Amino acid sequence: MAKITVQNLARNIVNAIQTEVEKIPGFDNGAIRLLFVPKCPEAVEYLCGFGKDCELDLVFPAKKGGKHVRPAGFRGSNEPECDCYGDTATKVGGCAYARKKGYGRYSSDMPEKAITHGRTNDKGCIVFDIYITDKTETKVSPLPIDYFRLYVAVSGAMGDEDEQCALAACDVLQQWVDIKNDGFGHYEKYLELDGPK
């Protein structure tokens, strides 16, 4: 069996998130950002297929046919227009800072004092760590290999709703790591979701 391509994995995640978006009233425009960060040469090959240093940054409309910009006055509020494309990037920045500093896996885990122009602690982004373990018979005590990190950010509704939609990626990733004999050979994949929250 061939490996599930990163394109198929991304599409499955986006479909799951867009299904959640459909359940939220007025969530007609917004953005979904998936940032894959490889942590080993095998992941670079899987994600990018070339080069030594790469990250795969994908942005999709939150709703099929929707725009990346949410107009002002969302749900009759005084909310200004929101560039959700850019907003997802600052949520990823906040989430990356929170993960690196040990605060947690969510953009909202980043403390207020760390907010800058390029990162926010608004809700709507979560980071997942994917590991692989060598399961050959010669490995008595296999050590996990840090494979890739995936940031999933959603913007377009209110913070709690954005976060609820981002969490839809969880089940898709778990199904992906649970697939056996998918071309990863003697490696076993697993998803780490420990940490605060």
N, C-alpha and C. Protein backbone atom coordinates (compact mmCIF):
# COMPACT_ATOMS: atom_id res chain seq x y z
N MET A 1 0.85 -1.19 0.00
CA MET A 1 0.00 0.00 0.00
C MET A 1 0.89 1.25 0.00
N ALA A 2 0.53 2.22 -0.79
CA ALA A 2 1.32 3.45 -0.88
C ALA A 2 1.03 4.36 0.31
N LYS A 3 1.99 5.22 0.60
CA LYS A 3 1.78 6.20 1.65
C LYS A 3 0.62 7.11 1.27
N ILE A 4 -0.13 7.53 2.27
CA ILE A 4 -1.15 8.54 2.03
C ILE A 4 -0.40 9.85 1.80
N THR A 5 -0.66 10.51 0.69
CA THR A 5 0.08 11.73 0.38
C THR A 5 -0.29 12.85 1.35
N VAL A 6 0.62 13.81 1.47
CA VAL A 6 0.34 14.96 2.33
C VAL A 6 -0.84 15.74 1.76
N GLN A 7 -1.01 15.73 0.44
CA GLN A 7 -2.15 16.43 -0.17
C GLN A 7 -3.47 15.80 0.29
N ASN A 8 -3.52 14.46 0.33
CA ASN A 8 -4.74 13.79 0.79
C ASN A 8 -4.97 14.02 2.28
N LEU A 9 -3.89 13.98 3.05
CA LEU A 9 -4.02 14.24 4.49
C LEU A 9 -4.56 15.65 4.72
N ALA A 10 -3.98 16.64 4.03
CA ALA A 10 -4.44 18.02 4.17
C ALA A 10 -5.90 18.16 3.76
N ARG A 11 -6.28 17.55 2.64
CA ARG A 11 -7.66 17.64 2.16
C ARG A 11 -8.63 17.04 3.16
N ASN A 12 -8.26 15.91 3.77
CA ASN A 12 -9.13 15.29 4.78
C ASN A 12 -9.29 16.18 6.00
N ILE A 13 -8.21 16.83 6.42
CA ILE A 13 -8.28 17.76 7.56
C ILE A 13 -9.18 18.93 7.22
N VAL A 14 -8.97 19.52 6.05
CA VAL A 14 -9.78 20.68 5.64
C VAL A 14 -11.25 20.30 5.52
N ASN A 15 -11.55 19.14 4.96
CA ASN A 15 -12.95 18.69 4.85
C ASN A 15 -13.60 18.57 6.23
N ALA A 16 -12.85 18.03 7.20
CA ALA A 16 -13.39 17.89 8.56
C ALA A 16 -13.65 19.25 9.19
N ILE A 17 -12.73 20.19 8.97
CA ILE A 17 -12.91 21.54 9.53
C ILE A 17 -14.08 22.24 8.84
N GLN A 18 -14.16 22.14 7.52
CA GLN A 18 -15.26 22.79 6.81
C GLN A 18 -16.62 22.21 7.21
N THR A 19 -16.65 20.94 7.57
CA THR A 19 -17.90 20.34 8.08
C THR A 19 -18.31 21.01 9.39
N GLU A 20 -17.32 21.29 10.26
CA GLU A 20 -17.61 22.00 11.52
C GLU A 20 -18.05 23.43 11.25
N VAL A 21 -17.40 24.08 10.28
CA VAL A 21 -17.73 25.47 9.93
C VAL A 21 -19.20 25.57 9.51
N GLU A 22 -19.66 24.59 8.75
CA GLU A 22 -21.05 24.59 8.27
C GLU A 22 -22.07 24.62 9.41
N LYS A 23 -21.68 24.13 10.59
CA LYS A 23 -22.59 24.06 11.73
C LYS A 23 -22.71 25.39 12.47
N ILE A 24 -21.85 26.36 12.14
CA ILE A 24 -21.80 27.62 12.89
C ILE A 24 -22.51 28.71 12.11
N PRO A 25 -23.57 29.29 12.67
CA PRO A 25 -24.33 30.33 11.97
C PRO A 25 -23.47 31.54 11.62
N GLY A 26 -23.60 32.00 10.39
CA GLY A 26 -22.91 33.20 9.95
C GLY A 26 -21.44 33.02 9.61
N PHE A 27 -20.92 31.80 9.75
CA PHE A 27 -19.50 31.56 9.44
C PHE A 27 -19.39 31.30 7.94
N ASP A 28 -19.45 32.38 7.18
CA ASP A 28 -19.47 32.27 5.72
C ASP A 28 -18.13 32.58 5.07
N ASN A 29 -17.31 33.36 5.77
CA ASN A 29 -15.99 33.74 5.25
C ASN A 29 -14.96 33.53 6.35
N GLY A 30 -13.75 33.17 5.94
CA GLY A 30 -12.69 32.92 6.91
C GLY A 30 -11.60 32.09 6.27
N ALA A 31 -10.66 31.64 7.09
CA ALA A 31 -9.52 30.91 6.55
C ALA A 31 -9.13 29.75 7.45
N ILE A 32 -8.58 28.73 6.82
CA ILE A 32 -7.99 27.57 7.49
C ILE A 32 -6.53 27.55 7.05
N ARG A 33 -5.62 27.51 8.00
CA ARG A 33 -4.19 27.42 7.68
C ARG A 33 -3.63 26.14 8.28
N LEU A 34 -2.93 25.38 7.45
CA LEU A 34 -2.20 24.19 7.89
C LEU A 34 -0.73 24.46 7.62
N LEU A 35 0.07 24.47 8.68
CA LEU A 35 1.52 24.66 8.53
C LEU A 35 2.21 23.39 8.99
N PHE A 36 2.81 22.67 8.03
CA PHE A 36 3.55 21.45 8.31
C PHE A 36 5.03 21.82 8.45
N VAL A 37 5.63 21.47 9.58
CA VAL A 37 7.04 21.76 9.82
C VAL A 37 7.79 20.43 9.98
N PRO A 38 8.61 20.04 9.00
CA PRO A 38 9.33 18.77 9.11
C PRO A 38 10.39 18.81 10.19
N LYS A 39 10.60 17.67 10.85
CA LYS A 39 11.58 17.60 11.93
C LYS A 39 12.70 16.61 11.63
N CYS A 40 12.67 15.97 10.46
CA CYS A 40 13.70 15.01 10.09
C CYS A 40 13.74 14.92 8.56
N PRO A 41 14.84 14.38 7.99
CA PRO A 41 14.93 14.29 6.52
C PRO A 41 13.79 13.51 5.88
N GLU A 42 13.31 12.45 6.55
CA GLU A 42 12.19 11.67 5.99
C GLU A 42 10.94 12.52 5.86
N ALA A 43 10.73 13.40 6.82
CA ALA A 43 9.55 14.28 6.77
C ALA A 43 9.69 15.33 5.68
N VAL A 44 10.91 15.83 5.46
CA VAL A 44 11.13 16.77 4.36
C VAL A 44 10.73 16.12 3.04
N GLU A 45 11.16 14.88 2.87
CA GLU A 45 10.84 14.12 1.65
C GLU A 45 9.32 13.93 1.54
N TYR A 46 8.68 13.57 2.64
CA TYR A 46 7.23 13.33 2.63
C TYR A 46 6.44 14.61 2.34
N LEU A 47 6.83 15.70 2.99
CA LEU A 47 6.06 16.94 2.87
C LEU A 47 6.38 17.72 1.61
N CYS A 48 7.65 17.79 1.26
CA CYS A 48 8.06 18.68 0.18
C CYS A 48 8.63 17.96 -1.03
N GLY A 49 9.25 16.82 -0.80
CA GLY A 49 9.81 16.06 -1.91
C GLY A 49 11.12 16.61 -2.44
N PHE A 50 11.61 17.70 -1.86
CA PHE A 50 12.86 18.28 -2.34
C PHE A 50 13.43 19.18 -1.25
N GLY A 51 14.67 19.57 -1.45
CA GLY A 51 15.28 20.56 -0.57
C GLY A 51 15.60 20.04 0.80
N LYS A 52 16.34 20.83 1.54
CA LYS A 52 16.77 20.48 2.88
C LYS A 52 15.91 21.18 3.92
N ASP A 53 15.62 22.43 3.65
CA ASP A 53 14.85 23.24 4.59
C ASP A 53 13.55 23.66 3.92
N CYS A 54 12.45 23.12 4.39
CA CYS A 54 11.17 23.51 3.81
C CYS A 54 10.10 23.44 4.90
N GLU A 55 9.09 24.23 4.72
CA GLU A 55 7.86 24.12 5.50
C GLU A 55 6.74 24.17 4.47
N LEU A 56 5.66 23.50 4.76
CA LEU A 56 4.54 23.48 3.83
C LEU A 56 3.40 24.26 4.47
N ASP A 57 3.10 25.43 3.91
CA ASP A 57 2.10 26.33 4.45
C ASP A 57 0.93 26.38 3.48
N LEU A 58 -0.22 25.87 3.90
CA LEU A 58 -1.40 25.79 3.03
C LEU A 58 -2.54 26.59 3.64
N VAL A 59 -3.23 27.37 2.82
CA VAL A 59 -4.37 28.17 3.29
C VAL A 59 -5.58 27.88 2.41
N PHE A 60 -6.71 27.65 3.05
CA PHE A 60 -7.96 27.32 2.36
C PHE A 60 -9.07 28.23 2.89
N PRO A 61 -10.13 28.44 2.09
CA PRO A 61 -11.28 29.17 2.64
C PRO A 61 -11.95 28.31 3.72
N ALA A 62 -12.44 28.96 4.77
CA ALA A 62 -13.09 28.22 5.86
C ALA A 62 -14.36 27.54 5.37
N LYS A 63 -15.03 28.17 4.44
CA LYS A 63 -16.25 27.60 3.87
C LYS A 63 -16.05 27.50 2.36
N LYS A 64 -16.45 26.40 1.78
CA LYS A 64 -16.30 26.24 0.33
C LYS A 64 -16.97 27.41 -0.37
N GLY A 65 -16.22 28.07 -1.25
CA GLY A 65 -16.76 29.21 -1.99
C GLY A 65 -16.67 30.52 -1.23
N GLY A 66 -16.22 30.48 0.03
CA GLY A 66 -16.12 31.70 0.83
C GLY A 66 -14.85 32.49 0.54
N LYS A 67 -14.77 33.66 1.13
CA LYS A 67 -13.60 34.51 0.98
C LYS A 67 -12.75 34.44 2.25
N HIS A 68 -11.49 34.89 2.14
CA HIS A 68 -10.60 34.90 3.30
C HIS A 68 -10.82 36.12 4.20
N VAL A 69 -11.62 37.08 3.74
CA VAL A 69 -11.87 38.29 4.52
C VAL A 69 -13.31 38.26 5.04
N ARG A 70 -13.44 38.42 6.36
CA ARG A 70 -14.78 38.50 6.96
C ARG A 70 -15.19 39.96 7.02
N PRO A 71 -16.34 40.31 6.44
CA PRO A 71 -16.77 41.71 6.44
C PRO A 71 -17.00 42.24 7.86
N ALA A 72 -16.98 43.55 7.96
CA ALA A 72 -17.26 44.22 9.25
C ALA A 72 -18.68 43.92 9.68
N GLY A 73 -18.93 44.02 10.99
CA GLY A 73 -20.27 43.83 11.51
C GLY A 73 -20.69 42.38 11.63
N PHE A 74 -19.75 41.51 11.88
CA PHE A 74 -20.04 40.07 12.00
C PHE A 74 -21.15 39.84 13.01
N ARG A 75 -22.21 39.19 12.58
CA ARG A 75 -23.40 38.88 13.40
C ARG A 75 -23.97 40.12 14.08
N GLY A 76 -23.94 41.23 13.36
CA GLY A 76 -24.53 42.46 13.89
C GLY A 76 -23.70 43.16 14.95
N SER A 77 -22.46 42.73 15.13
CA SER A 77 -21.59 43.33 16.15
C SER A 77 -20.86 44.54 15.58
N ASN A 78 -20.02 45.14 16.42
CA ASN A 78 -19.18 46.26 15.99
C ASN A 78 -17.80 45.77 15.52
N GLU A 79 -17.68 44.46 15.30
CA GLU A 79 -16.39 43.90 14.87
C GLU A 79 -15.97 44.52 13.54
N PRO A 80 -14.71 44.94 13.43
CA PRO A 80 -14.23 45.47 12.14
C PRO A 80 -14.01 44.32 11.15
N GLU A 81 -13.72 44.69 9.91
CA GLU A 81 -13.38 43.69 8.90
C GLU A 81 -12.17 42.89 9.40
N CYS A 82 -12.13 41.61 9.11
CA CYS A 82 -11.03 40.76 9.57
C CYS A 82 -10.38 40.06 8.39
N ASP A 83 -9.09 40.28 8.21
CA ASP A 83 -8.31 39.56 7.22
C ASP A 83 -7.94 38.21 7.84
N CYS A 84 -8.77 37.22 7.62
CA CYS A 84 -8.60 35.92 8.27
C CYS A 84 -7.37 35.18 7.78
N TYR A 85 -6.95 35.46 6.55
CA TYR A 85 -5.72 34.88 6.01
C TYR A 85 -4.54 35.28 6.92
N GLY A 86 -4.43 36.57 7.19
CA GLY A 86 -3.36 37.07 8.07
C GLY A 86 -3.57 36.69 9.52
N ASP A 87 -4.84 36.67 9.93
CA ASP A 87 -5.16 36.34 11.33
C ASP A 87 -4.71 34.91 11.67
N THR A 88 -4.88 33.98 10.74
CA THR A 88 -4.43 32.61 11.01
C THR A 88 -2.90 32.56 11.17
N ALA A 89 -2.19 33.40 10.43
CA ALA A 89 -0.73 33.43 10.55
C ALA A 89 -0.30 33.92 11.93
N THR A 90 -0.98 34.94 12.47
CA THR A 90 -0.60 35.43 13.81
C THR A 90 -1.01 34.44 14.89
N LYS A 91 -2.08 33.68 14.65
CA LYS A 91 -2.46 32.62 15.60
C LYS A 91 -1.40 31.52 15.61
N VAL A 92 -0.88 31.17 14.44
CA VAL A 92 0.20 30.18 14.37
C VAL A 92 1.43 30.71 15.11
N GLY A 93 1.73 32.00 14.93
CA GLY A 93 2.86 32.61 15.65
C GLY A 93 2.70 32.50 17.16
N GLY A 94 1.49 32.76 17.66
CA GLY A 94 1.22 32.65 19.09
C GLY A 94 1.29 31.22 19.58
N CYS A 95 0.79 30.31 18.77
CA CYS A 95 0.80 28.90 19.13
C CYS A 95 2.24 28.37 19.16
N ALA A 96 3.05 28.77 18.17
CA ALA A 96 4.45 28.33 18.12
C ALA A 96 5.21 28.85 19.35
N TYR A 97 4.95 30.08 19.73
CA TYR A 97 5.61 30.65 20.91
C TYR A 97 5.19 29.89 22.17
N ALA A 98 3.89 29.63 22.30
CA ALA A 98 3.38 28.91 23.48
C ALA A 98 3.98 27.51 23.57
N ARG A 99 4.10 26.83 22.42
CA ARG A 99 4.67 25.47 22.41
C ARG A 99 6.15 25.49 22.76
N LYS A 100 6.88 26.42 22.15
CA LYS A 100 8.33 26.52 22.36
C LYS A 100 8.66 26.84 23.81
N LYS A 101 7.87 27.71 24.42
CA LYS A 101 8.14 28.14 25.80
C LYS A 101 7.50 27.24 26.84
N GLY A 102 6.78 26.20 26.40
CA GLY A 102 6.21 25.24 27.33
C GLY A 102 4.90 25.67 27.97
N TYR A 103 4.21 26.64 27.37
CA TYR A 103 2.92 27.08 27.93
C TYR A 103 1.78 26.15 27.54
N GLY A 104 1.89 25.50 26.39
CA GLY A 104 0.81 24.61 25.94
C GLY A 104 0.79 24.46 24.44
N ARG A 105 -0.30 23.88 23.94
CA ARG A 105 -0.45 23.56 22.52
C ARG A 105 -1.42 24.46 21.78
N TYR A 106 -1.98 25.44 22.46
CA TYR A 106 -2.99 26.31 21.84
C TYR A 106 -2.47 27.73 21.75
N SER A 107 -2.92 28.47 20.74
CA SER A 107 -2.54 29.88 20.63
C SER A 107 -2.96 30.65 21.87
N SER A 108 -4.09 30.28 22.46
CA SER A 108 -4.60 30.99 23.64
C SER A 108 -3.77 30.69 24.90
N ASP A 109 -2.83 29.74 24.82
CA ASP A 109 -1.95 29.46 25.96
C ASP A 109 -0.82 30.48 26.08
N MET A 110 -0.60 31.26 25.03
CA MET A 110 0.46 32.27 25.06
C MET A 110 0.06 33.41 25.98
N PRO A 111 0.95 33.84 26.89
CA PRO A 111 0.59 34.93 27.81
C PRO A 111 0.46 36.28 27.08
N GLU A 112 -0.36 37.14 27.66
CA GLU A 112 -0.59 38.48 27.08
C GLU A 112 0.71 39.24 26.86
N LYS A 113 1.64 39.12 27.80
CA LYS A 113 2.89 39.90 27.71
C LYS A 113 3.73 39.53 26.49
N ALA A 114 3.47 38.39 25.88
CA ALA A 114 4.26 37.93 24.73
C ALA A 114 3.65 38.35 23.39
N ILE A 115 2.50 39.02 23.40
CA ILE A 115 1.86 39.44 22.15
C ILE A 115 2.73 40.46 21.44
N THR A 116 2.94 40.24 20.14
CA THR A 116 3.68 41.19 19.30
C THR A 116 2.89 41.35 18.00
N HIS A 117 3.48 42.11 17.08
CA HIS A 117 2.83 42.32 15.79
C HIS A 117 2.63 41.01 15.03
N GLY A 118 3.52 40.04 15.20
CA GLY A 118 3.44 38.80 14.44
C GLY A 118 2.82 37.62 15.15
N ARG A 119 2.33 37.81 16.39
CA ARG A 119 1.71 36.69 17.09
C ARG A 119 0.64 37.20 18.06
N THR A 120 -0.39 36.37 18.21
CA THR A 120 -1.51 36.71 19.07
C THR A 120 -1.88 35.52 19.92
N ASN A 121 -2.61 35.77 21.00
CA ASN A 121 -3.10 34.65 21.82
C ASN A 121 -4.61 34.46 21.63
N ASP A 122 -5.12 34.93 20.49
CA ASP A 122 -6.52 34.69 20.17
C ASP A 122 -6.73 33.18 19.98
N LYS A 123 -7.90 32.70 20.37
CA LYS A 123 -8.21 31.28 20.22
C LYS A 123 -8.35 30.92 18.75
N GLY A 124 -8.01 29.65 18.44
CA GLY A 124 -8.23 29.18 17.08
C GLY A 124 -7.08 28.42 16.46
N CYS A 125 -5.99 28.20 17.21
CA CYS A 125 -4.87 27.44 16.65
C CYS A 125 -4.41 26.39 17.66
N ILE A 126 -4.11 25.21 17.16
CA ILE A 126 -3.58 24.11 17.98
C ILE A 126 -2.42 23.47 17.21
N VAL A 127 -1.44 22.98 17.95
CA VAL A 127 -0.30 22.31 17.32
C VAL A 127 -0.31 20.82 17.67
N PHE A 128 -0.01 20.00 16.67
CA PHE A 128 0.07 18.55 16.83
C PHE A 128 1.50 18.11 16.52
N ASP A 129 2.03 17.18 17.30
CA ASP A 129 3.35 16.61 17.03
C ASP A 129 3.18 15.17 16.58
N ILE A 130 3.78 14.85 15.45
CA ILE A 130 3.73 13.50 14.91
C ILE A 130 5.12 12.87 15.04
N TYR A 131 5.16 11.67 15.59
CA TYR A 131 6.42 10.94 15.75
C TYR A 131 6.33 9.62 14.99
N ILE A 132 7.49 9.08 14.65
CA ILE A 132 7.54 7.72 14.13
C ILE A 132 8.54 6.94 14.99
N THR A 133 8.31 5.66 15.12
CA THR A 133 9.18 4.79 15.89
C THR A 133 9.64 3.64 15.00
N ASP A 134 10.93 3.37 15.02
CA ASP A 134 11.48 2.27 14.23
C ASP A 134 11.11 0.95 14.91
N LYS A 135 10.37 0.11 14.21
CA LYS A 135 9.87 -1.14 14.79
C LYS A 135 10.59 -2.38 14.25
N THR A 136 11.80 -2.21 13.70
CA THR A 136 12.51 -3.39 13.22
C THR A 136 12.91 -4.26 14.40
N GLU A 137 13.12 -5.53 14.13
CA GLU A 137 13.46 -6.49 15.19
C GLU A 137 14.80 -6.17 15.84
N THR A 138 15.67 -5.44 15.13
CA THR A 138 16.98 -5.11 15.69
C THR A 138 16.91 -4.02 16.74
N LYS A 139 15.79 -3.31 16.80
CA LYS A 139 15.63 -2.24 17.77
C LYS A 139 14.93 -2.79 19.01
N VAL A 140 15.71 -3.00 20.08
CA VAL A 140 15.14 -3.55 21.30
C VAL A 140 14.28 -2.50 22.00
N SER A 141 14.80 -1.30 22.08
CA SER A 141 14.08 -0.22 22.74
C SER A 141 14.00 0.96 21.76
N PRO A 142 13.02 0.94 20.87
CA PRO A 142 12.98 1.98 19.83
C PRO A 142 12.72 3.36 20.41
N LEU A 143 13.49 4.31 19.91
CA LEU A 143 13.30 5.70 20.33
C LEU A 143 12.43 6.41 19.30
N PRO A 144 11.54 7.25 19.75
CA PRO A 144 10.70 7.97 18.78
C PRO A 144 11.52 9.00 18.01
N ILE A 145 11.18 9.14 16.74
CA ILE A 145 11.79 10.15 15.89
C ILE A 145 10.75 11.25 15.72
N ASP A 146 11.14 12.48 16.02
CA ASP A 146 10.28 13.63 15.82
C ASP A 146 10.09 13.80 14.31
N TYR A 147 8.89 13.53 13.81
CA TYR A 147 8.65 13.47 12.37
C TYR A 147 8.24 14.83 11.80
N PHE A 148 7.06 15.31 12.18
CA PHE A 148 6.71 16.68 11.82
C PHE A 148 5.75 17.27 12.83
N ARG A 149 5.68 18.59 12.81
CA ARG A 149 4.77 19.35 13.65
C ARG A 149 3.75 19.99 12.72
N LEU A 150 2.49 19.96 13.12
CA LEU A 150 1.43 20.55 12.30
C LEU A 150 0.65 21.57 13.12
N TYR A 151 0.63 22.80 12.61
CA TYR A 151 -0.20 23.85 13.20
C TYR A 151 -1.49 23.94 12.40
N VAL A 152 -2.61 23.93 13.09
CA VAL A 152 -3.92 24.05 12.46
C VAL A 152 -4.59 25.29 13.02
N ALA A 153 -4.83 26.28 12.17
CA ALA A 153 -5.43 27.53 12.62
C ALA A 153 -6.69 27.83 11.81
N VAL A 154 -7.69 28.36 12.51
CA VAL A 154 -8.96 28.73 11.88
C VAL A 154 -9.32 30.13 12.33
N SER A 155 -9.83 30.94 11.40
CA SER A 155 -10.27 32.29 11.72
C SER A 155 -11.50 32.61 10.88
N GLY A 156 -12.47 33.29 11.49
CA GLY A 156 -13.66 33.71 10.75
C GLY A 156 -14.89 33.82 11.60
N ALA A 157 -14.90 33.16 12.76
CA ALA A 157 -16.04 33.26 13.68
C ALA A 157 -15.51 33.85 14.99
N MET A 158 -16.09 33.47 16.10
CA MET A 158 -15.59 33.90 17.40
C MET A 158 -14.52 32.90 17.86
N GLY A 159 -13.67 33.30 18.79
CA GLY A 159 -12.53 32.49 19.20
C GLY A 159 -12.85 31.06 19.58
N ASP A 160 -13.87 30.86 20.42
CA ASP A 160 -14.23 29.50 20.83
C ASP A 160 -14.68 28.66 19.64
N GLU A 161 -15.37 29.29 18.71
CA GLU A 161 -15.86 28.58 17.52
C GLU A 161 -14.70 28.24 16.58
N ASP A 162 -13.77 29.18 16.43
CA ASP A 162 -12.58 28.91 15.62
C ASP A 162 -11.82 27.71 16.18
N GLU A 163 -11.65 27.70 17.51
CA GLU A 163 -10.91 26.62 18.15
C GLU A 163 -11.64 25.28 18.00
N GLN A 164 -12.96 25.30 18.15
CA GLN A 164 -13.77 24.09 17.97
C GLN A 164 -13.55 23.51 16.58
N CYS A 165 -13.50 24.38 15.57
CA CYS A 165 -13.29 23.93 14.20
C CYS A 165 -11.88 23.37 14.01
N ALA A 166 -10.88 24.03 14.58
CA ALA A 166 -9.49 23.55 14.47
C ALA A 166 -9.34 22.17 15.08
N LEU A 167 -10.06 21.92 16.15
CA LEU A 167 -9.96 20.62 16.83
C LEU A 167 -10.51 19.47 15.99
N ALA A 168 -11.24 19.79 14.93
CA ALA A 168 -11.73 18.74 14.04
C ALA A 168 -10.58 17.99 13.37
N ALA A 169 -9.40 18.61 13.34
CA ALA A 169 -8.22 17.96 12.76
C ALA A 169 -7.79 16.75 13.57
N CYS A 170 -8.12 16.74 14.85
CA CYS A 170 -7.69 15.69 15.77
C CYS A 170 -8.07 14.29 15.30
N ASP A 171 -9.33 14.09 15.00
CA ASP A 171 -9.80 12.77 14.59
C ASP A 171 -9.16 12.32 13.27
N VAL A 172 -9.00 13.26 12.34
CA VAL A 172 -8.40 12.92 11.05
C VAL A 172 -6.96 12.46 11.25
N LEU A 173 -6.20 13.20 12.07
CA LEU A 173 -4.81 12.82 12.33
C LEU A 173 -4.72 11.48 13.04
N GLN A 174 -5.63 11.24 13.99
CA GLN A 174 -5.61 9.97 14.70
C GLN A 174 -5.88 8.81 13.75
N GLN A 175 -6.82 8.99 12.84
CA GLN A 175 -7.10 7.94 11.85
C GLN A 175 -5.87 7.70 10.97
N TRP A 176 -5.18 8.78 10.60
CA TRP A 176 -4.00 8.67 9.74
C TRP A 176 -2.89 7.90 10.45
N VAL A 177 -2.64 8.21 11.72
CA VAL A 177 -1.55 7.50 12.42
C VAL A 177 -1.94 6.06 12.72
N ASP A 178 -3.23 5.76 12.81
CA ASP A 178 -3.68 4.40 13.11
C ASP A 178 -3.61 3.46 11.90
N ILE A 179 -3.46 4.00 10.70
CA ILE A 179 -3.40 3.16 9.50
C ILE A 179 -2.07 2.40 9.51
N LYS A 180 -2.14 1.11 9.37
CA LYS A 180 -0.94 0.27 9.35
C LYS A 180 -0.61 -0.10 7.90
N ASN A 181 0.62 -0.47 7.66
CA ASN A 181 1.07 -0.92 6.34
C ASN A 181 0.71 0.08 5.22
N ASP A 182 0.99 1.34 5.47
CA ASP A 182 0.65 2.34 4.46
C ASP A 182 1.90 2.87 3.75
N GLY A 183 2.94 2.08 3.70
CA GLY A 183 4.14 2.51 2.99
C GLY A 183 5.20 3.11 3.88
N PHE A 184 4.95 3.19 5.17
CA PHE A 184 5.97 3.70 6.08
C PHE A 184 6.92 2.58 6.52
N GLY A 185 6.74 1.39 5.93
CA GLY A 185 7.66 0.29 6.19
C GLY A 185 7.68 -0.13 7.65
N HIS A 186 8.88 -0.15 8.23
CA HIS A 186 9.03 -0.62 9.61
C HIS A 186 8.84 0.49 10.63
N TYR A 187 8.31 1.62 10.21
CA TYR A 187 8.05 2.71 11.15
C TYR A 187 6.59 2.70 11.59
N GLU A 188 6.39 3.00 12.84
CA GLU A 188 5.04 3.15 13.36
C GLU A 188 4.85 4.63 13.70
N LYS A 189 3.73 5.20 13.29
CA LYS A 189 3.45 6.61 13.54
C LYS A 189 2.64 6.76 14.82
N TYR A 190 2.84 7.86 15.52
CA TYR A 190 1.92 8.17 16.60
C TYR A 190 1.82 9.67 16.82
N LEU A 191 0.73 10.05 17.40
CA LEU A 191 0.36 11.45 17.60
C LEU A 191 0.50 11.79 19.06
N GLU A 192 1.16 12.90 19.35
CA GLU A 192 1.28 13.34 20.73
C GLU A 192 0.38 14.53 20.98
N LEU A 193 -0.48 14.40 21.95
CA LEU A 193 -1.40 15.47 22.30
C LEU A 193 -1.37 15.76 23.78
N ASP A 194 -0.23 15.54 24.42
CA ASP A 194 -0.17 15.81 25.85
C ASP A 194 0.08 17.29 26.08
N GLY A 195 0.24 17.66 27.31
CA GLY A 195 0.54 19.04 27.63
C GLY A 195 -0.66 19.74 28.22
N PRO A 196 -0.47 21.01 28.57
CA PRO A 196 -1.53 21.77 29.23
C PRO A 196 -2.81 21.84 28.41
N LYS A 197 -3.87 22.06 29.06
CA LYS A 197 -5.22 22.31 28.54
C LYS A 197 -6.09 21.11 28.48
